[in-house]
Each structure stands twice: as C-alpha cells, then as structure tokens.
Amino acid sequence: MKELGLPPEILACLFDLDGVVTKTAVVHAAAWKETFDAFLREREGAGYRPFDSAADYDEYVDGRPRADGVRTFLASRGIELPEGTPDDPPDAQTVNGVGNRKNQLVLEKIRTEGVQPYDGTLRYIEAVRAAGLKTAIVSSSANTLDVLRSIDAEHLFDTRIDGVVARERALPGKPHPDTFLAAARDLGVTAEQATVFEDALAGMDAGRSGHFGYVVGVDRVGQSDALYAHGADVVVKDLAELLTAPGGAA
C-alpha cells in the first residue's frame, strides 16, 4: 500500500469523524467551553477558572463519549455529579444533563454554521476505496449519521460505529479500543489488518491499546508530539500527505 502510505498488510481503514473527516472539532470545543464555563460560573461564582478549549479539551474531552467527557473534566476540578439518565433536560445538574446541554449547543452551532469536510481526507478515502480497502467511520458522536449526510459522505463508509451504535452494543468509548475493534469485526478484518486515523489523544490511546496494525495521528492543532506520545506511528497535518509519502509508510 505504498501509494496510500500504509503497511502492506493493511486491509481496512477506520476513521474518526470530528477533526479527521469534518471540521467540527472546533465546533465541539466551543460548545464544551460554553457549557462548562456556564456550569462553573454558576457553581463557583465570578472567580471560577474557565474551561481551556485547547488543554482541557484535548486532555479530558476530545474523542470521548459525551458523558465520559463531562465526568472526566469535572473530576479534574474535584467535582462529582449524579449520573442522571440520558433523557435528563439540559439544565439538570447531572452528568447527562450537562452533556445534553453541550449537545444542544453543538447542534445549534452546526445548524447555523454548517459542516465542512476536510477535502484532503475525502480524497484519501476515495483513494483507499479505489485500492480495494474497506472503510469505517468510528466516532463517539451520536450525530455522526446526520453529519455524514450533510456532506454527502455516508456512501464512503462500509460500516459505522458511533455513539448510537456504541450505546446499542454497550461498547465503552475511547480511550478504550472497543469501538474500533467492533468496526474491524464488522469489516471482517483483525486489528492487525486495520489502520486507525485519529486526531484525539484518547483515539491514539485506543489505537495503541487495541494493537492495531497502524495508527495515523492527524495534527490539526499543533500537538504532534503528544500524538506520538500517545501511540501514533506517523503524524500528518492532512491525510492527503499520505498519498505522496515517498517509499510508502513513514
């Protein structure tokens, strides 16, 4: 697979959505910041320490299922909330309530700002499929299908493991490897025959712990060193770079 920048044993490619296929990671980060800042302001008053949409987002939220992101970030601030239920209203002081407020905000932002794909990623996926490799979208987002349809990209993936499917199958989310492993099984390949494409540190951890054949880090925000530290075999700024990788995989 030299023309794709991948090892020869790779038969399938497993792509994260936000930050890899679509330019929605910044939208999610903004929605998390608005949600957490409002929560912290109400809880701690004017002297609260705001959510850092770079450091806090990368460390505690990015790539994780929504409730896990809430739980993990609040734990970093010494805050524990009752779990509640997935149907909690967005003003409920529960893990699910805070998560639902974030989801409400991100959907509003997507509706008003739209969704843009990374053209280099779409070119790469088309090249992957033309070469006969199988493809999957693997995302913690429950809005994955709507986002793919909005950019006319649903047909580019042979299977989808997202927040909805993960809940149906009781799959733990990233940094656990289970969603990626489920995608590989759906495609009829082993982990060693699959490549993970991720921009999130939690996704790198999933790729490493799942013993996938190759892990590609996509550096959109200048965190190349961290992506390598969390398990990337190679880091690129755009997947189209892999199409011209000299001599195959880096």
Protein backbone atom coordinates (compact mmCIF):
# COMPACT_ATOMS: atom_id res chain seq x y z
CA MET A 1 0.00 0.00 0.00
CA LYS A 2 2.87 2.34 -0.73
CA GLU A 3 0.65 4.69 -2.69
CA LEU A 4 -1.51 5.14 0.44
CA GLY A 5 1.36 5.48 2.92
CA LEU A 6 0.29 2.29 4.72
CA PRO A 7 1.96 -1.03 5.56
CA PRO A 8 1.21 -3.83 3.05
CA GLU A 9 -0.80 -5.95 5.50
CA ILE A 10 -3.49 -3.28 5.98
CA LEU A 11 -6.92 -4.24 4.61
CA ALA A 12 -9.18 -1.67 6.30
CA CYS A 13 -9.13 1.96 7.41
CA LEU A 14 -11.02 3.19 10.48
CA PHE A 15 -11.64 6.94 10.52
CA ASP A 16 -12.66 9.21 13.35
CA LEU A 17 -15.16 11.90 12.33
CA ASP A 18 -14.60 15.22 14.12
CA GLY A 19 -11.23 16.69 13.24
CA VAL A 20 -10.37 13.93 10.76
CA VAL A 21 -13.22 13.86 8.23
CA THR A 22 -15.01 17.08 9.19
CA LYS A 23 -14.02 20.45 10.58
CA THR A 24 -16.28 20.03 13.57
CA ALA A 25 -13.72 19.51 16.36
CA VAL A 26 -13.51 23.30 16.85
CA VAL A 27 -17.31 23.46 17.00
CA HIS A 28 -17.36 20.79 19.70
CA ALA A 29 -14.60 22.54 21.65
CA ALA A 30 -16.55 25.82 21.55
CA ALA A 31 -19.74 24.10 22.71
CA TRP A 32 -17.91 22.38 25.57
CA LYS A 33 -16.37 25.68 26.66
CA GLU A 34 -19.72 27.47 26.67
CA THR A 35 -21.30 24.59 28.60
CA PHE A 36 -18.59 24.15 31.21
CA ASP A 37 -17.98 27.86 31.74
CA ALA A 38 -21.67 28.43 32.44
CA PHE A 39 -21.71 25.46 34.83
CA LEU A 40 -18.55 26.56 36.67
CA ARG A 41 -19.67 30.19 36.86
CA GLU A 42 -22.96 29.17 38.44
CA ARG A 43 -21.26 26.77 40.85
CA GLU A 44 -18.17 28.76 41.84
CA GLY A 45 -19.05 32.38 41.14
CA ALA A 46 -17.11 35.07 39.32
CA GLY A 47 -13.72 33.71 40.39
CA TYR A 48 -14.15 30.39 38.57
CA ARG A 49 -11.34 29.03 36.40
CA PRO A 50 -12.64 28.80 32.81
CA PHE A 51 -12.53 25.67 30.69
CA ASP A 52 -9.47 25.75 28.43
CA SER A 53 -10.71 24.87 24.94
CA ALA A 54 -7.23 23.68 24.00
CA ALA A 55 -5.59 21.98 27.01
CA ASP A 56 -8.74 20.83 28.86
CA TYR A 57 -10.47 19.80 25.64
CA ASP A 58 -7.52 17.69 24.45
CA GLU A 59 -6.87 16.08 27.84
CA TYR A 60 -10.34 15.37 29.20
CA VAL A 61 -12.98 15.60 26.47
CA ASP A 62 -11.81 15.13 22.88
CA GLY A 63 -12.74 11.77 21.40
CA ARG A 64 -14.58 10.51 24.48
CA PRO A 65 -18.29 9.71 24.71
CA ARG A 66 -20.21 12.76 25.89
CA ALA A 67 -20.93 11.58 29.43
CA ASP A 68 -17.34 10.39 29.87
CA GLY A 69 -16.11 13.83 28.82
CA VAL A 70 -18.32 15.53 31.41
CA ARG A 71 -17.30 13.10 34.13
CA THR A 72 -13.57 13.26 33.34
CA PHE A 73 -13.32 17.05 33.11
CA LEU A 74 -15.37 17.69 36.26
CA ALA A 75 -13.25 15.13 38.15
CA SER A 76 -10.18 17.19 37.17
CA ARG A 77 -11.79 20.09 39.06
CA GLY A 78 -12.75 17.93 42.03
CA ILE A 79 -16.45 17.98 41.11
CA GLU A 80 -18.72 14.93 41.16
CA LEU A 81 -22.30 14.96 39.91
CA PRO A 82 -25.03 12.32 39.95
CA GLU A 83 -25.21 10.42 36.68
CA GLY A 84 -28.87 11.09 35.92
CA THR A 85 -30.29 9.48 32.79
CA PRO A 86 -29.76 10.06 29.04
CA ASP A 87 -33.15 11.81 28.94
CA ASP A 88 -32.23 14.47 31.51
CA PRO A 89 -33.11 18.03 30.45
CA PRO A 90 -30.14 20.23 29.53
CA ASP A 91 -30.47 22.29 32.71
CA ALA A 92 -30.27 19.25 35.02
CA GLN A 93 -27.29 19.26 37.40
CA THR A 94 -26.27 15.75 36.40
CA VAL A 95 -23.59 14.24 34.19
CA ASN A 96 -26.17 13.55 31.50
CA GLY A 97 -27.82 16.94 31.90
CA VAL A 98 -24.53 18.79 31.35
CA GLY A 99 -23.78 16.53 28.39
CA ASN A 100 -27.19 17.17 26.88
CA ARG A 101 -26.68 20.93 27.21
CA LYS A 102 -23.45 20.59 25.27
CA ASN A 103 -25.18 18.52 22.59
CA GLN A 104 -27.95 21.11 22.29
CA LEU A 105 -25.33 23.82 21.76
CA VAL A 106 -23.30 21.86 19.22
CA LEU A 107 -26.40 21.08 17.16
CA GLU A 108 -27.31 24.76 17.17
CA LYS A 109 -23.80 25.66 16.00
CA ILE A 110 -23.86 23.03 13.26
CA ARG A 111 -27.26 24.22 12.05
CA THR A 112 -26.17 27.86 11.95
CA GLU A 113 -22.56 27.43 10.81
CA GLY A 114 -22.89 24.26 8.72
CA VAL A 115 -20.40 21.41 8.42
CA GLN A 116 -17.33 21.46 6.22
CA PRO A 117 -15.29 18.38 5.31
CA TYR A 118 -11.54 18.18 5.03
CA ASP A 119 -11.09 17.82 1.29
CA GLY A 120 -7.75 16.04 1.73
CA THR A 121 -9.43 13.39 3.86
CA LEU A 122 -12.18 12.82 1.30
CA ARG A 123 -9.57 12.43 -1.46
CA TYR A 124 -7.68 9.97 0.69
CA ILE A 125 -10.79 7.91 1.49
CA GLU A 126 -11.69 7.75 -2.18
CA ALA A 127 -8.16 6.52 -2.96
CA VAL A 128 -8.39 3.94 -0.17
CA ARG A 129 -11.65 2.57 -1.54
CA ALA A 130 -10.34 2.61 -5.12
CA ALA A 131 -7.44 0.45 -3.90
CA GLY A 132 -9.93 -2.11 -2.55
CA LEU A 133 -9.58 -1.40 1.17
CA LYS A 134 -12.63 -1.39 3.43
CA THR A 135 -13.60 1.72 5.41
CA ALA A 136 -15.40 2.53 8.65
CA ILE A 137 -16.35 5.70 10.48
CA VAL A 138 -15.76 5.42 14.24
CA SER A 139 -16.97 8.32 16.37
CA SER A 140 -18.29 8.93 19.86
CA SER A 141 -20.81 11.38 18.41
CA ALA A 142 -24.48 10.46 18.36
CA ASN A 143 -24.89 12.88 15.43
CA THR A 144 -22.50 11.06 13.08
CA LEU A 145 -25.06 9.95 10.51
CA ASP A 146 -26.59 13.42 10.19
CA VAL A 147 -23.14 14.98 9.77
CA LEU A 148 -22.09 12.46 7.10
CA ARG A 149 -25.31 13.02 5.20
CA SER A 150 -24.82 16.80 5.37
CA ILE A 151 -21.52 16.47 3.46
CA ASP A 152 -22.78 13.63 1.21
CA ALA A 153 -20.20 11.20 2.60
CA GLU A 154 -22.32 8.38 4.01
CA HIS A 155 -21.53 6.20 0.99
CA LEU A 156 -17.79 6.38 1.69
CA PHE A 157 -18.01 4.01 4.66
CA ASP A 158 -18.82 0.32 4.75
CA THR A 159 -19.80 0.41 8.42
CA ARG A 160 -20.49 2.97 11.13
CA ILE A 161 -19.73 2.68 14.84
CA ASP A 162 -20.88 5.88 16.53
CA GLY A 163 -22.40 6.98 19.80
CA VAL A 164 -25.76 5.46 18.88
CA VAL A 165 -24.33 2.08 17.89
CA ALA A 166 -21.96 2.04 20.86
CA ARG A 167 -24.88 2.50 23.23
CA GLU A 168 -26.88 -0.23 21.49
CA ARG A 169 -23.95 -2.66 21.74
CA ALA A 170 -22.82 -1.49 25.20
CA LEU A 171 -19.35 -0.61 23.87
CA PRO A 172 -17.14 1.55 26.09
CA GLY A 173 -15.83 4.59 24.25
CA LYS A 174 -12.36 5.93 23.63
CA PRO A 175 -9.73 5.72 25.12
CA HIS A 176 -10.91 2.10 25.23
CA PRO A 177 -10.38 0.36 21.86
CA ASP A 178 -13.78 -1.36 21.77
CA THR A 179 -15.46 0.85 19.15
CA PHE A 180 -12.53 0.49 16.75
CA LEU A 181 -12.37 -3.25 17.39
CA ALA A 182 -16.10 -3.50 16.66
CA ALA A 183 -15.59 -1.68 13.35
CA ALA A 184 -12.79 -4.07 12.39
CA ARG A 185 -15.01 -7.06 13.20
CA ASP A 186 -17.85 -5.59 11.14
CA LEU A 187 -15.45 -5.30 8.22
CA GLY A 188 -14.20 -8.86 8.66
CA VAL A 189 -10.59 -7.95 9.48
CA THR A 190 -8.34 -8.31 12.51
CA ALA A 191 -6.99 -5.33 14.44
CA GLU A 192 -3.56 -6.03 12.95
CA GLN A 193 -5.04 -5.60 9.46
CA ALA A 194 -6.62 -2.21 10.24
CA THR A 195 -5.36 1.36 10.46
CA VAL A 196 -6.81 3.89 12.91
CA PHE A 197 -6.99 7.55 11.81
CA GLU A 198 -7.46 9.93 14.76
CA ASP A 199 -6.81 13.49 15.86
CA ALA A 200 -7.68 12.97 19.54
CA LEU A 201 -5.28 11.78 22.22
CA ALA A 202 -7.98 9.42 23.50
CA GLY A 203 -8.17 7.97 19.99
CA MET A 204 -4.41 7.43 19.95
CA ASP A 205 -4.70 5.57 23.26
CA ALA A 206 -7.45 3.41 21.75
CA GLY A 207 -5.33 2.60 18.72
CA ARG A 208 -2.35 1.64 20.85
CA SER A 209 -4.25 -0.47 23.39
CA GLY A 210 -6.19 -2.22 20.62
CA HIS A 211 -2.94 -3.33 18.95
CA PHE A 212 -3.97 -2.08 15.53
CA GLY A 213 -1.65 -2.59 12.61
CA TYR A 214 -1.02 1.13 12.12
CA VAL A 215 -2.12 4.32 13.87
CA VAL A 216 -2.16 7.63 12.00
CA GLY A 217 -2.34 10.82 14.04
CA VAL A 218 -3.90 13.85 12.35
CA ASP A 219 -2.44 17.04 13.80
CA ARG A 220 -4.90 19.89 13.31
CA VAL A 221 -3.88 21.98 16.35
CA GLY A 222 -0.10 21.62 16.75
CA GLN A 223 0.01 18.61 19.06
CA SER A 224 2.25 16.33 17.00
CA ASP A 225 4.49 15.38 19.94
CA ALA A 226 1.50 14.46 22.10
CA LEU A 227 0.02 12.32 19.32
CA TYR A 228 3.27 10.40 19.03
CA ALA A 229 3.49 10.06 22.82
CA HIS A 230 0.00 8.57 22.89
CA GLY A 231 0.75 5.93 20.28
CA ALA A 232 0.79 7.34 16.74
CA ASP A 233 3.02 5.52 14.25
CA VAL A 234 3.00 8.56 11.99
CA VAL A 235 1.55 12.07 12.28
CA VAL A 236 0.37 14.21 9.35
CA LYS A 237 -1.36 17.56 9.14
CA ASP A 238 -3.60 16.36 6.30
CA LEU A 239 -4.33 12.81 5.12
CA ALA A 240 -3.60 13.80 1.54
CA GLU A 241 0.07 13.86 2.59
CA LEU A 242 -0.03 10.07 2.79
CA LEU A 243 -0.86 9.84 -0.90
CA THR A 244 2.55 11.19 -1.76
CA ALA A 245 4.50 9.60 1.11
CA PRO A 246 7.81 8.56 -0.51
CA GLY A 247 8.58 4.88 -0.14
CA GLY A 248 5.29 4.07 1.50
CA ALA A 249 4.56 4.26 5.23
CA ALA A 250 6.73 6.63 7.23
